[in-house]
């Protein structure tokens, strides 16, 4: 969410690209969809118009046939043969039959829908057709003709897989009809007319009787309407009027139109596959989706190129800046392309190199300055103790025997050996501890039983810690000089070492001297802060300054009043071994 609230340059460019591309995409999609709707409506109107034309054509043709059939009711030869044939001579009867046969031939040729025309005359027991005679008509066929013409309107009926238009002339008296007129229609010729409706679209047509007794179609369904069309008929009242519909047939989508004929009591249905109608439109649809997919790939490619050209070099540059921020100056950027980033990377490398040079110069200058200051601080050690020691050596030589002088001089030799060692600014805490212990042993000889010293053993884990020279002995010397020398008896010097929870060492030197006032304590504390600005630094401030130079400004000395009554001086140094020790520079 933070990325969306504060997008980087890469995301902003990508969003801008999408904002420019999206309206174009929506416009093309709208045009394609609108074109499809318009084309669908145009096709629907065209199909309705065509189906109306062909339905009217069939109605007109059947009406023409029915009209001709009616006209034959008044034919002289037919009337003679059907009513007074018994009064005719054989020649007259044959001549009338011949003339009537020729007329039926002309009737047959008058319409392309007619396959054959037959008239059955019960009086002569013959069925006359266009070119021959037939046997008498069966009773069930005559019954069918009478039932078909019950309402006196033209109606196509099915008889033994034939489509017929029937007419009979009921007698004015008696039980027999004068004649039965049967016109056999040609399904194939009617199909040839109907197929022209969908010839271009490879569609399907169905001309069905509304009583569901016969059907003409270019499918293999026979006389049975497909289930999908049957569902359409049952779900819609087609029988009166015309319209347009969508349906599914043989797992394909179809666009359909229908028109019902009241004249023939039939319904003409036409269904054209959508894929055929919208073939051209589908090409544009496929082209649209292809362009959509191509646009996605273009966006992805554009995004990837933008990432390579802009975002990834920026990431490399930011990571390099972060490394420099944490102090890593061993950074060098490389960019092979000749663009703005090559210039930026080059300037960054020059900056890091110059920064490294400046730090090296300042670092070296600081080390030299600190070493000079250490030399100066160490050279300021007060020789007061040396003079007193020499004086004590003189008194002991006069008052005591050789064994004591030997021990004392041994301690003194170790002490001076430590002081005179040059070229070493840091030692192990163990060496510093031993040197302070030598100093205490010398002072024990000096003060005998007047001062009680509590000196702990240094823990093994602390012995390898690196420290500056002469940090403990000056504190002990200060306790003797200012806290314990003037105390007559029961003087106590206590040295402790402990580790804190922050993993630092606290080395404390305290005494029970009685001359420490609050003013003196506050003055000592102020020197820890103000002593760095003094031209001359000596004594405890010497130690504090060297500890800060070596370990950092957060370390050094602390002054407080001891529970014993005198001064308590505490050294705080980090608890790190020899492998973790750092060089003698200011780490603050």
Protein backbone atom coordinates (compact mmCIF):
# COMPACT_ATOMS: atom_id res chain seq x y z
CA UNK A 1 0.00 0.00 0.00
CA UNK A 2 2.88 2.36 0.70
CA UNK A 3 4.11 1.76 -2.88
CA UNK A 4 0.72 2.88 -4.23
CA UNK A 5 0.66 5.93 -1.97
CA UNK A 6 4.22 6.89 -2.90
CA UNK A 7 4.96 5.25 -6.28
CA UNK A 8 8.47 5.34 -7.63
CA UNK A 9 9.41 6.68 -11.06
CA UNK A 10 9.10 3.26 -12.69
CA UNK A 11 5.50 2.80 -11.49
CA UNK A 12 4.57 6.36 -12.45
CA UNK A 13 5.79 5.85 -16.02
CA UNK A 14 3.95 2.51 -16.20
CA UNK A 15 0.73 4.09 -14.89
CA UNK A 16 1.05 6.90 -17.43
CA UNK A 17 1.49 4.37 -20.23
CA UNK A 18 -1.65 2.52 -19.10
CA UNK A 19 -3.62 5.77 -18.82
CA UNK A 20 -2.74 6.62 -22.43
CA UNK A 21 -3.44 3.10 -23.73
CA UNK A 22 -6.64 2.32 -21.79
CA UNK A 23 -8.94 4.93 -23.47
CA UNK A 24 -7.84 3.71 -26.91
CA UNK A 25 -8.55 0.13 -25.87
CA UNK A 26 -11.99 1.07 -24.49
CA UNK A 27 -12.82 3.04 -27.67
CA UNK A 28 -11.90 0.10 -29.93
CA UNK A 29 -13.89 -2.27 -27.73
CA UNK A 30 -16.94 0.04 -27.84
CA UNK A 31 -16.73 0.42 -31.62
CA UNK A 32 -16.46 -3.35 -32.08
CA UNK A 33 -19.37 -4.03 -29.72
CA UNK A 34 -21.56 -1.32 -31.28
CA UNK A 35 -20.76 -2.55 -34.77
CA UNK A 36 -21.80 -6.05 -33.73
CA UNK A 37 -25.13 -4.81 -32.39
CA UNK A 38 -25.81 -2.75 -35.51
CA UNK A 39 -24.88 -5.64 -37.80
CA UNK A 40 -27.07 -8.00 -35.78
CA UNK A 41 -30.07 -5.70 -36.15
CA UNK A 42 -29.44 -5.24 -39.86
CA UNK A 43 -29.15 -8.98 -40.40
CA UNK A 44 -32.30 -9.58 -38.36
CA UNK A 45 -34.21 -7.09 -40.50
CA UNK A 46 -32.84 -8.61 -43.69
CA UNK A 47 -33.77 -12.12 -42.60
CA UNK A 48 -37.31 -11.06 -41.66
CA UNK A 49 -37.69 -9.34 -45.01
CA UNK A 50 -36.47 -12.35 -46.95
CA UNK A 51 -38.54 -14.85 -45.02
CA UNK A 52 -41.63 -12.70 -45.52
CA UNK A 53 -40.95 -12.56 -49.25
CA UNK A 54 -40.56 -16.32 -49.59
CA UNK A 55 -43.51 -17.06 -47.34
CA UNK A 56 -45.67 -14.80 -49.47
CA UNK A 57 -44.24 -16.45 -52.59
CA UNK A 58 -45.31 -19.87 -51.36
CA UNK A 59 -48.71 -18.59 -50.31
CA UNK A 60 -49.14 -16.94 -53.71
CA UNK A 61 -48.13 -20.08 -55.56
CA UNK A 62 -50.44 -22.30 -53.53
CA UNK A 63 -53.24 -19.78 -53.95
CA UNK A 64 -52.65 -19.81 -57.71
CA UNK A 65 -52.87 -23.60 -57.72
CA UNK A 66 -56.00 -23.58 -55.58
CA UNK A 67 -57.60 -20.97 -57.87
CA UNK A 68 -56.87 -23.07 -60.96
CA UNK A 69 -58.27 -26.08 -59.19
CA UNK A 70 -61.47 -24.20 -58.43
CA UNK A 71 -61.78 -23.04 -62.02
CA UNK A 72 -61.84 -26.67 -63.12
CA UNK A 73 -65.10 -27.23 -61.27
CA UNK A 74 -66.89 -25.65 -64.21
CA UNK A 75 -64.98 -27.60 -66.87
CA UNK A 76 -67.45 -29.01 -69.43
CA UNK A 77 -65.68 -32.32 -69.92
CA UNK A 78 -65.30 -32.86 -66.17
CA UNK A 79 -68.98 -32.09 -65.60
CA UNK A 80 -70.07 -34.49 -68.37
CA UNK A 81 -67.87 -37.31 -67.14
CA UNK A 82 -68.85 -36.83 -63.49
CA UNK A 83 -72.62 -36.43 -64.04
CA UNK A 84 -73.89 -37.75 -67.41
CA UNK A 85 -71.10 -40.09 -68.49
CA UNK A 86 -73.67 -42.89 -68.86
CA UNK A 87 -75.39 -40.93 -71.64
CA UNK A 88 -72.20 -40.48 -73.60
CA UNK A 89 -71.09 -42.80 -76.35
CA UNK A 90 -67.81 -44.62 -76.01
CA UNK A 91 -66.17 -42.25 -78.42
CA UNK A 92 -67.53 -39.18 -76.69
CA UNK A 93 -66.40 -40.51 -73.31
CA UNK A 94 -62.86 -41.24 -74.58
CA UNK A 95 -62.64 -37.87 -76.28
CA UNK A 96 -63.74 -36.10 -73.09
CA UNK A 97 -61.21 -38.04 -71.07
CA UNK A 98 -58.48 -37.16 -73.59
CA UNK A 99 -59.34 -33.49 -73.51
CA UNK A 100 -59.49 -33.53 -69.70
CA UNK A 101 -56.08 -35.25 -69.53
CA UNK A 102 -54.56 -32.57 -71.76
CA UNK A 103 -56.02 -29.87 -69.55
CA UNK A 104 -54.55 -31.57 -66.47
CA UNK A 105 -51.16 -31.60 -68.23
CA UNK A 106 -51.44 -27.87 -68.80
CA UNK A 107 -52.51 -27.47 -65.17
CA UNK A 108 -49.42 -29.40 -64.04
CA UNK A 109 -47.12 -27.25 -66.15
CA UNK A 110 -48.64 -24.05 -64.87
CA UNK A 111 -46.79 -24.30 -61.53
CA UNK A 112 -43.33 -25.56 -60.67
CA UNK A 113 -44.65 -26.82 -57.32
CA UNK A 114 -46.95 -29.38 -58.97
CA UNK A 115 -45.61 -32.88 -59.44
CA UNK A 116 -48.86 -34.49 -60.65
CA UNK A 117 -52.62 -33.79 -60.99
CA UNK A 118 -55.24 -36.53 -60.58
CA UNK A 119 -59.04 -36.51 -60.80
CA UNK A 120 -61.03 -39.51 -59.69
CA UNK A 121 -64.53 -39.74 -61.22
CA UNK A 122 -66.68 -42.32 -59.43
CA UNK A 123 -69.18 -42.54 -62.34
CA UNK A 124 -66.57 -43.96 -64.71
CA UNK A 125 -64.48 -45.63 -61.98
CA UNK A 126 -61.28 -44.12 -63.34
CA UNK A 127 -58.59 -41.77 -62.06
CA UNK A 128 -57.55 -39.39 -64.83
CA UNK A 129 -54.05 -37.81 -64.72
CA UNK A 130 -51.97 -35.73 -67.05
CA UNK A 131 -50.70 -38.60 -69.18
CA UNK A 132 -52.45 -41.81 -68.20
CA UNK A 133 -55.24 -43.58 -66.39
CA UNK A 134 -55.10 -45.04 -62.91
CA UNK A 135 -57.09 -47.51 -60.95
CA UNK A 136 -60.02 -46.30 -58.89
CA UNK A 137 -59.20 -44.29 -55.75
CA UNK A 138 -59.29 -46.16 -52.46
CA UNK A 139 -61.94 -45.39 -49.92
CA UNK A 140 -59.52 -44.16 -47.24
CA UNK A 141 -57.96 -41.75 -49.71
CA UNK A 142 -61.38 -40.40 -50.65
CA UNK A 143 -62.14 -40.04 -46.96
CA UNK A 144 -58.94 -38.07 -46.46
CA UNK A 145 -59.88 -35.71 -49.32
CA UNK A 146 -63.33 -35.13 -47.89
CA UNK A 147 -61.88 -34.42 -44.40
CA UNK A 148 -59.18 -32.12 -45.78
CA UNK A 149 -61.76 -29.99 -47.57
CA UNK A 150 -64.16 -29.84 -44.66
CA UNK A 151 -63.74 -26.08 -44.25
CA UNK A 152 -63.47 -25.38 -47.99
CA UNK A 153 -60.04 -23.63 -47.66
CA UNK A 154 -56.77 -24.67 -49.32
CA UNK A 155 -54.78 -26.94 -47.09
CA UNK A 156 -51.73 -29.07 -47.71
CA UNK A 157 -52.19 -32.61 -46.43
CA UNK A 158 -49.95 -35.66 -46.24
CA UNK A 159 -50.96 -38.89 -47.88
CA UNK A 160 -48.54 -41.79 -48.08
CA UNK A 161 -45.52 -39.48 -47.87
CA UNK A 162 -46.98 -37.19 -50.53
CA UNK A 163 -47.95 -33.57 -50.12
CA UNK A 164 -51.30 -32.94 -51.75
CA UNK A 165 -53.87 -30.21 -52.29
CA UNK A 166 -57.29 -31.90 -52.44
CA UNK A 167 -60.75 -30.86 -53.61
CA UNK A 168 -63.88 -32.84 -54.07
CA UNK A 169 -67.22 -32.04 -55.64
CA UNK A 170 -70.01 -33.21 -53.34
CA UNK A 171 -73.09 -34.52 -55.14
CA UNK A 172 -76.33 -32.61 -55.07
CA UNK A 173 -78.14 -35.88 -54.42
CA UNK A 174 -77.09 -39.38 -53.61
CA UNK A 175 -74.23 -40.70 -51.50
CA UNK A 176 -71.39 -40.49 -53.98
CA UNK A 177 -69.25 -37.48 -54.90
CA UNK A 178 -69.16 -36.39 -58.52
CA UNK A 179 -65.27 -36.31 -58.52
CA UNK A 180 -62.16 -36.08 -56.27
CA UNK A 181 -59.46 -33.60 -57.30
CA UNK A 182 -55.93 -34.37 -55.99
CA UNK A 183 -52.91 -32.17 -56.71
CA UNK A 184 -49.58 -33.76 -55.72
CA UNK A 185 -47.00 -31.13 -54.77
CA UNK A 186 -43.29 -31.61 -55.35
CA UNK A 187 -41.34 -31.33 -52.03
CA UNK A 188 -38.03 -31.13 -53.88
CA UNK A 189 -39.14 -28.17 -55.98
CA UNK A 190 -40.52 -26.42 -52.94
CA UNK A 191 -37.19 -27.06 -51.17
CA UNK A 192 -35.32 -25.59 -54.12
CA UNK A 193 -37.31 -22.41 -53.62
CA UNK A 194 -36.85 -22.38 -49.85
CA UNK A 195 -33.12 -23.10 -49.95
CA UNK A 196 -32.57 -19.77 -51.65
CA UNK A 197 -33.41 -18.08 -48.36
CA UNK A 198 -30.21 -19.34 -46.70
CA UNK A 199 -28.09 -20.32 -49.68
CA UNK A 200 -25.36 -17.77 -48.89
CA UNK A 201 -25.28 -18.33 -45.13
CA UNK A 202 -25.38 -22.16 -45.08
CA UNK A 203 -28.43 -21.98 -42.83
CA UNK A 204 -31.43 -24.19 -42.10
CA UNK A 205 -35.08 -23.73 -42.99
CA UNK A 206 -38.24 -25.44 -41.78
CA UNK A 207 -41.69 -25.15 -43.38
CA UNK A 208 -44.05 -26.89 -40.98
CA UNK A 209 -47.74 -27.49 -40.77
CA UNK A 210 -49.13 -25.97 -37.58
CA UNK A 211 -50.92 -29.22 -36.85
CA UNK A 212 -47.50 -30.89 -37.02
CA UNK A 213 -48.44 -33.36 -39.75
CA UNK A 214 -45.71 -32.52 -42.27
CA UNK A 215 -42.48 -30.54 -42.57
CA UNK A 216 -40.08 -29.49 -45.31
CA UNK A 217 -36.46 -28.91 -44.30
CA UNK A 218 -32.88 -29.10 -45.54
CA UNK A 219 -31.87 -31.11 -42.47
CA UNK A 220 -31.92 -34.83 -41.83
CA UNK A 221 -34.74 -34.53 -39.32
CA UNK A 222 -37.36 -36.00 -41.64
CA UNK A 223 -40.85 -34.85 -40.74
CA UNK A 224 -39.94 -34.21 -37.11
CA UNK A 225 -38.95 -30.76 -35.95
CA UNK A 226 -35.61 -30.69 -33.99
CA UNK A 227 -36.01 -30.48 -30.24
CA UNK A 228 -34.42 -27.03 -30.04
CA UNK A 229 -36.91 -25.66 -32.58
CA UNK A 230 -39.71 -27.44 -30.84
CA UNK A 231 -38.68 -25.69 -27.60
CA UNK A 232 -38.73 -22.39 -29.45
CA UNK A 233 -42.22 -23.10 -30.78
CA UNK A 234 -43.52 -24.13 -27.39
CA UNK A 235 -41.96 -21.13 -25.66
CA UNK A 236 -43.12 -18.57 -28.24
CA UNK A 237 -46.43 -18.02 -29.97
CA UNK A 238 -45.27 -18.06 -33.57
CA UNK A 239 -48.54 -19.13 -35.05
CA UNK A 240 -49.68 -15.59 -35.58
CA UNK A 241 -47.17 -13.09 -36.90
CA UNK A 242 -43.43 -12.98 -37.47
CA UNK A 243 -40.28 -12.24 -35.48
CA UNK A 244 -36.64 -12.83 -34.71
CA UNK A 245 -35.01 -15.13 -32.15
CA UNK A 246 -31.76 -16.67 -30.93
CA UNK A 247 -31.39 -20.38 -30.38
CA UNK A 248 -28.94 -23.26 -30.13
CA UNK A 249 -28.93 -26.14 -32.57
CA UNK A 250 -26.40 -28.97 -32.80
CA UNK A 251 -24.29 -27.18 -30.18
CA UNK A 252 -24.07 -24.09 -32.37
CA UNK A 253 -25.55 -20.64 -31.92
CA UNK A 254 -28.11 -19.61 -34.55
CA UNK A 255 -29.94 -16.46 -35.44
CA UNK A 256 -33.48 -17.24 -36.58
CA UNK A 257 -36.55 -15.63 -38.08
CA UNK A 258 -40.09 -16.93 -38.48
CA UNK A 259 -43.34 -16.06 -40.20
CA UNK A 260 -46.71 -17.74 -39.86
CA UNK A 261 -49.18 -18.06 -42.73
CA UNK A 262 -52.89 -17.95 -41.87
CA UNK A 263 -53.70 -18.85 -45.45
CA UNK A 264 -51.96 -22.27 -45.35
CA UNK A 265 -51.87 -22.60 -41.54
CA UNK A 266 -48.06 -23.10 -41.74
CA UNK A 267 -44.99 -21.55 -40.18
CA UNK A 268 -41.73 -20.90 -42.02
CA UNK A 269 -38.63 -20.84 -39.80
CA UNK A 270 -35.11 -19.96 -40.90
CA UNK A 271 -31.94 -20.34 -38.78
CA UNK A 272 -28.52 -19.09 -39.87
CA UNK A 273 -25.28 -19.87 -37.92
CA UNK A 274 -23.93 -16.84 -36.13
CA UNK A 275 -20.40 -17.77 -37.16
CA UNK A 276 -21.51 -17.57 -40.80
CA UNK A 277 -23.35 -14.28 -40.43
CA UNK A 278 -20.71 -12.63 -38.30
CA UNK A 279 -17.76 -14.13 -40.14
CA UNK A 280 -16.33 -10.74 -41.04
CA UNK A 281 -17.21 -9.29 -37.66
CA UNK A 282 -15.61 -12.29 -35.96
CA UNK A 283 -12.44 -11.57 -37.85
CA UNK A 284 -12.44 -8.09 -36.39
CA UNK A 285 -13.22 -9.57 -32.96
CA UNK A 286 -10.32 -12.00 -33.25
CA UNK A 287 -8.15 -9.15 -34.46
CA UNK A 288 -9.29 -7.09 -31.44
CA UNK A 289 -8.39 -9.85 -28.97
CA UNK A 290 -5.14 -10.47 -30.80
CA UNK A 291 -4.30 -6.78 -30.49
CA UNK A 292 -5.37 -6.92 -26.82
CA UNK A 293 -2.97 -9.79 -26.13
CA UNK A 294 -0.31 -8.06 -28.17
CA UNK A 295 -0.90 -4.89 -26.13
CA UNK A 296 -0.40 -6.88 -22.93
CA UNK A 297 2.88 -8.22 -24.24
CA UNK A 298 3.86 -4.72 -25.32
CA UNK A 299 3.11 -3.45 -21.82
CA UNK A 300 5.10 -6.29 -20.26
CA UNK A 301 7.98 -5.74 -22.68
CA UNK A 302 7.84 -1.99 -22.11
CA UNK A 303 7.77 -2.53 -18.34
CA UNK A 304 10.72 -4.92 -18.51
CA UNK A 305 12.71 -2.52 -20.67
CA UNK A 306 11.87 0.36 -18.34
CA UNK A 307 13.01 -1.80 -15.45
CA UNK A 308 16.32 -2.56 -17.18
CA UNK A 309 16.89 1.00 -18.38
CA UNK A 310 15.78 3.01 -15.35
CA UNK A 311 14.64 1.06 -12.31
CA UNK A 312 17.44 -1.48 -11.98
CA UNK A 313 20.28 1.09 -12.38
CA UNK A 314 18.52 3.24 -9.78
CA UNK A 315 18.32 0.27 -7.42
CA UNK A 316 22.03 -0.38 -7.87
CA UNK A 317 22.77 3.28 -7.23
CA UNK A 318 20.58 3.39 -4.08
CA UNK A 319 22.22 0.24 -2.68
CA UNK A 320 25.64 1.78 -3.29
CA UNK A 321 24.57 4.95 -1.46
CA UNK A 322 23.38 2.86 1.49
CA UNK A 323 26.74 1.09 1.65
CA UNK A 324 28.50 4.44 1.71
CA UNK A 325 26.05 5.60 4.37
CA UNK A 326 27.15 2.81 6.74
CA UNK A 327 30.83 3.57 6.11
CA UNK A 328 31.72 1.13 3.31
CA UNK A 329 33.83 3.13 0.90
CA UNK A 330 35.04 0.14 -1.13
CA UNK A 331 32.24 0.68 -3.65
CA UNK A 332 32.70 1.09 -7.39
CA UNK A 333 29.81 1.19 -9.87
CA UNK A 334 30.06 0.11 -13.48
CA UNK A 335 27.62 0.89 -16.29
CA UNK A 336 28.38 -0.34 -19.81
CA UNK A 337 25.77 1.74 -21.66
CA UNK A 338 26.59 5.27 -22.80
CA UNK A 339 23.71 7.09 -21.16
CA UNK A 340 22.99 9.35 -18.20
CA UNK A 341 23.59 6.56 -15.69
CA UNK A 342 27.15 6.10 -16.94
CA UNK A 343 27.82 9.75 -16.14
CA UNK A 344 26.02 9.43 -12.78
CA UNK A 345 27.94 6.28 -11.85
CA UNK A 346 31.23 7.90 -12.87
CA UNK A 347 30.59 10.94 -10.69
CA UNK A 348 29.62 8.65 -7.82
CA UNK A 349 32.89 6.72 -8.15
CA UNK A 350 34.88 9.99 -8.19
CA UNK A 351 33.00 11.16 -5.10
CA UNK A 352 33.68 7.91 -3.21
CA UNK A 353 37.36 7.97 -4.18
CA UNK A 354 37.72 11.58 -3.07
CA UNK A 355 35.84 10.83 0.15
CA UNK A 356 38.13 7.88 0.80
CA UNK A 357 41.19 10.06 0.25
CA UNK A 358 39.89 12.79 2.57
CA UNK A 359 39.05 10.27 5.28
CA UNK A 360 42.50 8.72 4.95
CA UNK A 361 44.13 12.13 5.31
CA UNK A 362 42.01 13.09 8.32
CA UNK A 363 42.43 9.64 9.84
CA UNK A 364 46.21 9.69 9.52
CA UNK A 365 46.39 13.24 10.85
CA UNK A 366 44.23 12.27 13.82
CA UNK A 367 46.34 9.21 14.64
CA UNK A 368 49.51 11.30 14.56
CA UNK A 369 47.88 13.91 16.76
CA UNK A 370 46.67 11.31 19.26
CA UNK A 371 50.05 9.60 19.41
CA UNK A 372 51.75 12.94 20.04
CA UNK A 373 49.23 13.69 22.76
CA UNK A 374 49.82 10.27 24.34
CA UNK A 375 53.55 10.88 24.34
CA UNK A 376 53.01 14.26 25.91
CA UNK A 377 50.64 12.89 28.54
CA UNK A 378 52.96 10.05 29.47
CA UNK A 379 55.93 12.43 29.72
CA UNK A 380 53.99 14.51 32.26
CA UNK A 381 53.97 11.78 34.92
CA UNK A 382 55.08 13.39 38.17
CA UNK A 383 58.56 12.16 39.28
CA UNK A 384 57.51 12.73 42.91
CA UNK A 385 57.19 9.01 43.53
CA UNK A 386 60.64 8.32 42.12
CA UNK A 387 62.24 10.73 44.55
CA UNK A 388 60.41 9.28 47.56
CA UNK A 389 61.37 5.76 46.53
CA UNK A 390 65.03 6.63 46.28
CA UNK A 391 64.82 8.28 49.69
CA UNK A 392 63.16 5.18 51.18
CA UNK A 393 65.86 3.02 49.66
CA UNK A 394 68.39 5.15 51.45
CA UNK A 395 66.60 4.83 54.81
CA UNK A 396 66.08 1.07 54.41
CA UNK A 397 69.72 0.55 53.53
CA UNK A 398 70.59 2.33 56.78
CA UNK A 399 67.97 0.71 59.03
CA UNK A 400 67.39 -2.82 57.68
CA UNK A 401 69.37 -5.75 56.51
CA UNK A 402 70.08 -7.03 53.02
CA UNK A 403 67.05 -9.35 52.55
CA UNK A 404 64.60 -6.47 52.72
CA UNK A 405 66.76 -4.34 50.49
CA UNK A 406 66.86 -7.15 47.97
CA UNK A 407 63.09 -7.52 47.93
CA UNK A 408 62.52 -3.81 47.72
CA UNK A 409 64.99 -3.26 44.95
CA UNK A 410 63.44 -6.16 43.07
CA UNK A 411 60.05 -4.52 43.22
CA UNK A 412 61.54 -1.20 42.32
CA UNK A 413 63.30 -2.70 39.34
CA UNK A 414 60.06 -4.14 38.03
CA UNK A 415 58.38 -0.83 38.50
CA UNK A 416 61.00 1.15 36.62
CA UNK A 417 61.22 -1.55 33.98
CA UNK A 418 57.54 -1.05 33.25
CA UNK A 419 57.88 2.74 33.18
CA UNK A 420 60.90 2.84 30.94
CA UNK A 421 59.51 0.47 28.32
CA UNK A 422 59.06 2.58 25.19
CA UNK A 423 57.27 2.10 21.87
CA UNK A 424 54.26 0.35 23.46
CA UNK A 425 51.06 2.35 23.99
CA UNK A 426 48.76 -0.57 24.79
CA UNK A 427 49.16 -3.67 26.91
CA UNK A 428 47.03 -6.49 28.25
CA UNK A 429 44.96 -5.79 31.34
CA UNK A 430 46.91 -8.58 33.03
CA UNK A 431 50.21 -6.63 32.67
CA UNK A 432 48.60 -3.43 33.90
CA UNK A 433 47.15 -5.34 36.84
CA UNK A 434 50.54 -6.80 37.76
CA UNK A 435 52.21 -3.40 37.54
CA UNK A 436 49.61 -1.90 39.88
CA UNK A 437 50.16 -4.81 42.24
CA UNK A 438 53.95 -4.12 42.23
CA UNK A 439 53.19 -0.53 43.14
CA UNK A 440 50.94 -1.66 46.02
CA UNK A 441 53.65 -4.03 47.31
CA UNK A 442 56.13 -1.18 47.34
CA UNK A 443 53.66 0.98 49.25
CA UNK A 444 53.04 -1.83 51.73
CA UNK A 445 56.74 -1.79 52.57
CA UNK A 446 56.56 1.95 52.96
CA UNK A 447 53.50 2.14 55.19
CA UNK A 448 53.81 -1.26 56.88
CA UNK A 449 50.55 -2.04 58.75
CA UNK A 450 49.08 1.47 58.62
CA UNK A 451 47.14 0.77 55.38
CA UNK A 452 45.05 -2.33 54.72
CA UNK A 453 44.81 -3.18 51.03
CA UNK A 454 42.00 -5.29 49.52
CA UNK A 455 43.35 -6.50 46.19
CA UNK A 456 41.29 -9.09 44.17
CA UNK A 457 42.63 -11.68 41.79
CA UNK A 458 42.04 -10.82 38.12
CA UNK A 459 39.63 -13.19 36.40
CA UNK A 460 41.12 -15.23 33.58
CA UNK A 461 38.53 -13.93 31.05
CA UNK A 462 39.68 -10.31 31.60
CA UNK A 463 43.42 -10.78 31.26
CA UNK A 464 43.71 -10.44 27.46
CA UNK A 465 41.74 -7.18 27.24
CA UNK A 466 43.83 -4.48 25.60
CA UNK A 467 44.15 -1.20 27.57
CA UNK A 468 46.43 1.88 27.52
CA UNK A 469 49.44 1.77 29.85
CA UNK A 470 49.36 3.37 33.31
CA UNK A 471 45.58 3.58 33.95
CA UNK A 472 45.26 1.76 37.34
CA UNK A 473 48.54 2.69 39.12
CA UNK A 474 47.87 6.48 38.89
CA UNK A 475 44.48 5.96 40.60
CA UNK A 476 46.12 3.98 43.43
CA UNK A 477 48.87 6.59 43.66
CA UNK A 478 46.21 9.31 43.96
CA UNK A 479 44.50 7.40 46.79
CA UNK A 480 47.78 7.05 48.72
CA UNK A 481 48.83 10.65 48.13
CA UNK A 482 45.57 12.50 48.87
CA UNK A 483 43.50 10.06 50.90
CA UNK A 484 45.70 7.74 52.97
CA UNK A 485 49.13 9.38 53.67
CA UNK A 486 47.78 11.73 56.30
CA UNK A 487 45.59 9.15 57.99
CA UNK A 488 47.32 7.84 61.10
CA UNK A 489 45.87 4.31 61.26
CA UNK A 490 43.02 2.07 60.05
CA UNK A 491 43.49 3.27 56.49
CA UNK A 492 41.82 1.14 53.85
CA UNK A 493 42.52 0.89 50.12
CA UNK A 494 39.97 -1.21 48.23
CA UNK A 495 40.23 -2.27 44.57
CA UNK A 496 37.30 -4.06 42.80
CA UNK A 497 36.55 -5.25 39.30
CA UNK A 498 33.06 -6.17 38.01
CA UNK A 499 31.16 -6.63 34.74
CA UNK A 500 27.91 -4.76 34.00
CA UNK A 501 24.83 -5.93 32.08
CA UNK A 502 25.96 -3.77 29.15
CA UNK A 503 29.10 -5.96 28.95
CA UNK A 504 31.51 -3.30 30.20
CA UNK A 505 34.15 -3.61 32.97
CA UNK A 506 34.16 -1.37 36.02
CA UNK A 507 37.49 -1.16 37.89
CA UNK A 508 37.09 0.90 41.08
CA UNK A 509 39.73 2.27 43.48
CA UNK A 510 38.37 3.70 46.73
CA UNK A 511 39.71 4.68 50.12
CA UNK A 512 38.47 5.85 53.51
CA UNK A 513 40.31 9.16 53.48
CA UNK A 514 38.58 11.86 55.51
CA UNK A 515 39.62 15.00 53.63
CA UNK A 516 37.28 14.66 50.62
CA UNK A 517 34.80 17.54 50.59
CA UNK A 518 31.82 18.06 48.29
CA UNK A 519 33.60 21.00 46.73
CA UNK A 520 36.61 18.85 45.89
CA UNK A 521 34.37 16.07 44.49
CA UNK A 522 32.42 18.50 42.30
CA UNK A 523 35.67 20.05 41.09
CA UNK A 524 36.97 16.64 40.05
CA UNK A 525 33.77 15.91 38.19
CA UNK A 526 33.91 19.24 36.38
CA UNK A 527 37.49 18.52 35.32
CA UNK A 528 36.26 15.44 33.44
CA UNK A 529 34.26 17.80 31.23
CA UNK A 530 36.39 20.92 31.21
CA UNK A 531 39.79 19.24 31.39
CA UNK A 532 39.90 18.72 27.64
CA UNK A 533 40.09 22.48 27.17
CA UNK A 534 42.97 22.95 29.59
CA UNK A 535 46.45 23.50 28.24
CA UNK A 536 48.00 21.13 30.74
CA UNK A 537 46.47 17.79 31.68
CA UNK A 538 47.89 15.82 34.62
CA UNK A 539 47.00 13.12 37.16
CA UNK A 540 43.56 11.53 36.99
CA UNK A 541 42.50 13.70 34.06
CA UNK A 542 45.53 12.29 32.23
CA UNK A 543 44.11 8.79 32.64
CA UNK A 544 40.57 9.88 31.72
CA UNK A 545 41.74 11.58 28.54
CA UNK A 546 43.80 8.61 27.40
CA UNK A 547 40.91 6.21 28.03
CA UNK A 548 38.62 8.35 25.89
CA UNK A 549 41.19 8.55 23.12
CA UNK A 550 41.62 4.79 23.19
CA UNK A 551 38.05 3.51 23.74
CA UNK A 552 35.81 6.44 22.88
CA UNK A 553 34.13 9.35 24.64
CA UNK A 554 31.53 7.10 26.30
CA UNK A 555 34.27 5.49 28.41
CA UNK A 556 36.71 6.90 30.97
CA UNK A 557 36.66 7.77 34.72
CA UNK A 558 33.83 8.41 37.15
CA UNK A 559 34.14 10.16 40.50
CA UNK A 560 31.89 9.55 43.49
CA UNK A 561 32.02 9.33 47.24
CA UNK A 562 32.96 5.89 48.50
CA UNK A 563 30.92 4.00 51.07
CA UNK A 564 34.21 3.85 53.00
CA UNK A 565 34.07 7.63 53.30
CA UNK A 566 36.75 8.73 50.88
CA UNK A 567 36.97 9.04 47.08
CA UNK A 568 35.88 6.32 44.71
CA UNK A 569 37.34 6.44 41.25
CA UNK A 570 35.85 4.01 38.69
CA UNK A 571 37.33 3.07 35.33
CA UNK A 572 34.74 2.02 32.70
CA UNK A 573 36.11 0.16 29.71
CA UNK A 574 34.52 -2.22 27.15
CA UNK A 575 34.79 -5.93 27.87
CA UNK A 576 36.45 -7.19 24.69
CA UNK A 577 39.25 -9.65 24.20
CA UNK A 578 42.43 -9.37 22.22
CA UNK A 579 40.76 -10.39 18.92
CA UNK A 580 38.15 -7.69 19.34
CA UNK A 581 40.51 -4.90 20.30
CA UNK A 582 40.71 -1.82 18.12
CA UNK A 583 43.54 0.52 17.35
CA UNK A 584 44.33 3.42 19.68
CA UNK A 585 42.13 6.01 18.02
CA UNK A 586 39.11 7.92 19.10
CA UNK A 587 36.10 5.74 18.30
CA UNK A 588 33.61 8.42 19.27
